[in-house]
Each structure stands twice: as structure tokens, then as C-alpha cells.
Protein backbone atom coordinates (compact mmCIF):
# COMPACT_ATOMS: atom_id res chain seq x y z
CA MET A 1 92.39 34.20 99.39
CA SER A 2 89.00 32.64 99.96
CA ASP A 3 87.82 29.06 99.73
CA TRP A 4 84.85 26.86 100.83
CA ARG A 5 85.82 27.43 104.44
CA ASP A 6 84.96 31.15 104.07
CA GLY A 7 81.37 30.30 103.43
CA LEU A 8 81.25 27.78 106.25
CA ARG A 9 82.68 30.21 108.75
CA LYS A 10 80.26 32.91 107.64
CA THR A 11 77.31 30.68 108.36
CA MET A 12 78.82 30.00 111.84
CA GLY A 13 78.81 33.74 112.56
CA LYS A 14 82.54 34.31 112.52
CA THR A 15 83.81 37.75 111.57
CA ARG A 16 86.20 38.01 108.61
CA PHE A 17 89.16 40.37 108.87
CA VAL A 18 91.52 41.50 106.04
CA VAL A 19 94.85 42.85 107.20
CA CYS A 20 97.07 44.20 104.43
CA ARG A 21 99.99 46.48 103.72
CA LEU A 22 100.66 48.43 100.51
CA PHE A 23 104.04 49.76 99.45
CA ILE A 24 104.09 52.56 96.88
CA HIS A 25 107.33 54.07 95.52
CA LEU A 26 107.16 57.44 93.84
CA ALA A 27 110.12 59.12 92.11
CA GLY A 28 110.76 62.52 90.54
CA ASP A 29 111.54 66.13 91.36
CA GLN A 30 107.93 66.86 92.34
CA VAL A 31 107.35 64.18 94.97
CA ALA A 32 108.65 66.28 97.91
CA PRO A 33 105.33 68.13 98.38
CA LEU A 34 103.79 64.79 99.32
CA LEU A 35 106.02 64.80 102.39
CA GLY A 36 104.17 67.88 103.59
CA VAL A 37 100.85 66.05 103.28
CA MET A 38 102.26 63.01 105.15
CA ASN A 39 103.66 65.02 108.01
CA ARG A 40 100.49 67.10 108.37
CA VAL A 41 98.39 63.92 108.51
CA ALA A 42 100.85 62.38 111.00
CA ARG A 43 100.58 65.49 113.28
CA GLN A 44 96.77 65.32 113.14
CA ALA A 45 96.84 61.61 114.04
CA ILE A 46 99.05 62.31 117.10
CA ASP A 47 96.98 65.31 118.15
CA SER A 48 93.83 63.19 118.00
CA GLU A 49 95.55 60.40 120.01
CA GLY A 50 94.93 57.91 117.23
CA GLU A 51 91.18 58.41 116.90
CA LEU A 52 90.06 56.16 114.06
CA GLU A 53 87.83 58.78 112.41
CA VAL A 54 90.78 61.22 112.17
CA LEU A 55 93.08 58.46 110.95
CA GLY A 56 90.54 57.59 108.27
CA GLU A 57 90.22 61.16 107.10
CA GLY A 58 94.02 61.33 106.86
CA LEU A 59 94.09 58.06 104.88
CA VAL A 60 91.51 59.51 102.46
CA GLU A 61 93.66 62.63 102.00
CA ILE A 62 96.78 60.51 101.39
CA CYS A 63 95.04 58.22 98.91
CA GLU A 64 93.56 61.18 97.03
CA SER A 65 97.06 62.75 96.87
CA LEU A 66 98.60 59.52 95.64
CA LEU A 67 95.97 59.25 92.84
CA GLN A 68 96.85 62.77 91.76
CA TYR A 69 100.57 61.88 91.64
CA ASP A 70 100.13 58.63 89.69
CA THR A 71 102.53 59.81 86.96
CA TYR A 72 105.33 59.53 89.60
CA TRP A 73 104.52 55.94 90.60
CA GLN A 74 107.58 53.69 90.00
CA SER A 75 107.01 50.44 91.87
CA ALA A 76 104.66 48.84 94.34
CA ALA A 77 104.01 45.75 96.40
CA ASN A 78 101.43 44.43 98.84
CA GLU A 79 101.00 41.65 101.29
CA GLY A 80 98.19 40.53 103.63
CA ASP A 81 96.03 37.78 104.96
CA VAL A 82 92.40 36.95 105.83
CA LEU A 83 91.90 36.06 109.49
CA TRP A 84 88.83 34.91 111.45
CA ASP A 85 90.04 35.83 114.92
CA GLU A 86 90.17 39.46 116.02
CA GLY A 87 93.21 38.83 118.28
CA GLU A 88 95.12 37.16 115.45
CA ALA A 89 94.23 40.04 113.11
CA GLY A 90 95.44 42.54 115.75
CA ASN A 91 98.70 40.62 116.17
CA TYR A 92 99.33 40.47 112.45
CA PHE A 93 98.53 44.17 112.07
CA ASN A 94 101.01 44.97 114.88
CA ASP A 95 103.68 42.83 113.22
CA LEU A 96 103.28 44.74 109.93
CA PHE A 97 103.24 48.04 111.90
CA THR A 98 106.44 47.19 113.69
CA ASP A 99 108.17 46.18 110.48
CA SER A 100 107.11 49.40 108.73
CA ALA A 101 108.28 51.51 111.66
CA GLN A 102 111.70 49.88 111.52
CA ARG A 103 112.21 50.54 107.84
CA TYR A 104 114.91 52.94 106.69
CA LEU A 105 114.23 56.66 107.49
CA SER A 106 110.59 55.99 108.39
CA GLU A 107 110.46 57.97 111.65
CA PRO A 108 109.18 61.59 111.30
CA ASP A 109 110.55 64.37 113.39
CA LEU A 110 107.28 65.76 114.67
CA GLY A 111 108.98 67.87 117.28
CA THR A 112 110.12 70.47 114.71
CA PRO A 113 107.32 72.87 113.80
CA GLY A 114 106.42 73.03 110.15
CA GLY A 115 108.49 75.69 108.40
CA ALA A 116 111.00 75.93 111.26
CA ARG A 117 113.81 74.63 109.09
CA ASP A 118 115.42 76.55 106.28
CA THR A 119 113.98 74.56 103.46
CA PHE A 120 116.13 76.30 100.84
CA SER A 121 119.30 74.72 102.19
CA LEU A 122 117.96 71.18 102.34
CA PRO A 123 118.42 68.55 99.63
CA VAL A 124 115.14 67.33 98.12
CA THR A 125 114.57 63.66 97.86
CA ARG A 126 113.67 62.15 94.48
CA ASN A 127 112.36 58.96 96.03
CA LEU A 128 109.45 58.50 98.39
CA ILE A 129 108.02 55.27 99.83
CA LEU A 130 104.61 54.99 101.43
CA MET A 131 103.64 52.00 103.56
CA ILE A 132 99.87 51.86 104.26
CA THR A 133 98.71 49.18 106.68
CA VAL A 134 95.04 48.57 107.40
CA ALA A 135 92.76 46.09 109.12
CA VAL A 136 89.28 45.81 107.63
CA GLU A 137 86.16 43.93 108.62
CA GLY A 138 84.56 42.03 105.73
CA GLU A 139 85.70 41.38 102.18
CA VAL A 140 87.75 43.79 100.02
CA PRO A 141 88.45 42.12 96.63
CA GLN A 142 90.36 45.22 95.46
CA LEU A 143 92.94 44.72 98.23
CA GLU A 144 92.94 40.95 98.25
CA THR A 145 94.87 40.75 94.97
CA ASP A 146 98.24 41.63 93.51
CA LEU A 147 98.49 45.40 93.38
CA ALA A 148 101.82 45.64 91.47
CA ASN A 149 100.17 47.10 88.41
CA ILE A 150 98.82 50.60 87.92
CA ALA A 151 95.15 49.72 87.36
CA ALA A 152 94.98 47.42 90.38
CA LEU A 153 96.79 49.94 92.58
CA LYS A 154 94.39 52.75 91.59
CA ALA A 155 91.46 50.44 92.42
CA GLY A 156 93.09 49.54 95.76
CA LEU A 157 93.53 53.18 96.77
CA LYS A 158 89.99 54.02 95.75
CA ALA A 159 88.76 51.04 97.83
CA LEU A 160 90.66 52.43 100.88
CA ILE A 161 88.81 55.74 100.48
CA ASN A 162 85.44 53.92 100.29
CA LEU A 163 86.29 51.77 103.33
CA HIS A 164 86.63 54.89 105.45
CA TYR A 165 83.16 56.11 104.43
CA GLN A 166 81.70 52.64 104.91
CA LYS A 167 83.08 52.55 108.48
CA THR A 168 84.65 49.10 108.02
CA LEU A 169 88.24 50.10 108.78
CA ARG A 170 89.35 48.77 112.19
CA ALA A 171 92.98 49.94 112.25
CA ILE A 172 95.04 52.24 110.08
CA GLN A 173 98.76 53.08 110.01
CA VAL A 174 100.83 54.99 107.48
CA HIS A 175 104.59 55.16 107.40
CA PHE A 176 106.76 56.92 104.80
CA SER A 177 110.42 57.07 103.98
CA PRO A 178 112.13 59.49 104.03
CA ALA A 179 109.91 60.87 106.78
CA GLN A 180 111.73 64.19 107.12
CA LEU A 181 112.43 67.02 104.74
CA GLY A 182 116.13 67.01 104.03
CA ASP A 183 116.53 63.23 104.25
CA GLU A 184 117.34 61.52 101.02
CA LEU A 185 116.43 58.00 99.94
CA THR A 186 118.85 56.90 97.19
CA SER A 187 118.11 54.23 94.61
CA ASP A 188 120.63 51.89 96.31
CA GLN A 189 118.98 52.38 99.68
CA LEU A 190 115.64 51.74 98.02
CA LEU A 191 116.77 48.34 96.76
CA GLN A 192 118.42 47.46 100.06
CA HIS A 193 115.61 48.38 102.45
CA PHE A 194 112.52 47.73 100.23
CA PRO A 195 113.40 44.57 98.26
CA GLU A 196 109.77 43.58 97.77
CA LEU A 197 109.02 46.41 95.34
CA ILE A 198 107.97 45.40 91.83
CA PRO A 199 108.34 47.92 88.93
CA LEU A 200 104.97 49.22 87.66
């Protein structure tokens, strides 16, 4: 993603922004507990009114959970761009955010208290999609590459964890589908609504 203009702009004092989105598809009988992690992190983000430090802590928890569930990874994809204007970077982040929010079953029901539903009567989804969108200041080689293989995806998730501790994250958003316990994402729906996924 970089060329000779990168170096030229750096010498001119311009700030480099990386905006990217990761898609990770997990499948199996044991992926449902991840929904609990996602919904808890989403509640914390709303309670904090989107405070970046809280969002970053949530992102770390999600990435660590994903790394523990790597045996359930089925497919992945990523997209992004390098921008030199903060406004353009913000607009691109918002575009990715809006697209993720409109994806199938990606709106959580945060009005229902945890445990308020009878979980024994609900079907359990075998498919779970995570969409992680971030804006970062600086260079992140681990995210500025194709992440549709297991080794690269692991490196990308570890890089996201490090970015939180390095305080270089400027915006964070996580969406997931299905977002509610009891919703099911079938294989056909997966192909229809997440066509960019590449098998790992």
C-alpha cells in the first residue's frame, strides 16, 4: 500500500492513517459463547458513551477470545486504505461502519438484560461473523496485507491488541452477525450477505 509518495509526505509532516475492516467467520457448535463476549463488550461501549479507552479494552478482549477460538475459524476477508487526510480517513471509517451496521442480523438487542430470555428454548447458531473496523495513526504492516490465511489473521489480531496499548487507535467499531442469541445465520445467508469471505 505504500510507495515513494509515502516517504515524501512523511517529510512534509503529513499524518498517515490506516483504515481497515476485518471479517472473520467462525463455525461450530461451540461458537455461541462468543456472542456473550460480544454483547457484554457492546454494552460496555454504550455505557461508556463510546470512550476510546473502553472500546480499546473491549477490542483486546474480543481479539484474545478470537485467538482462543482459532480452531473454529472458517473464512475471512479484509479491506482498507491508507489516507493522509484526517477528514477523508473519518469519512472512509464511517462508510465501512455504515456498511457493517446494515449487514444481515448485525444489530444487537441491548434492551434485553442478559439472562432475561429462556436460553434453553432458543436455537443456537453454528455460524458467527465478526466485522472489526479500525482507524489507526501510523503504519501497521500486519493489517496492510491480505489476511485471508490463518497465520496472517493471527498476526493481524495480535497487532490490534498491541495498537490499543500503543495508543495509536483513533476509532474502533465491532459488529457481529447474528447479534442476538436465538438468531441463526445459515450457510446460504452467509454466502448471500458476506460474499467477500475467503475460506481459510
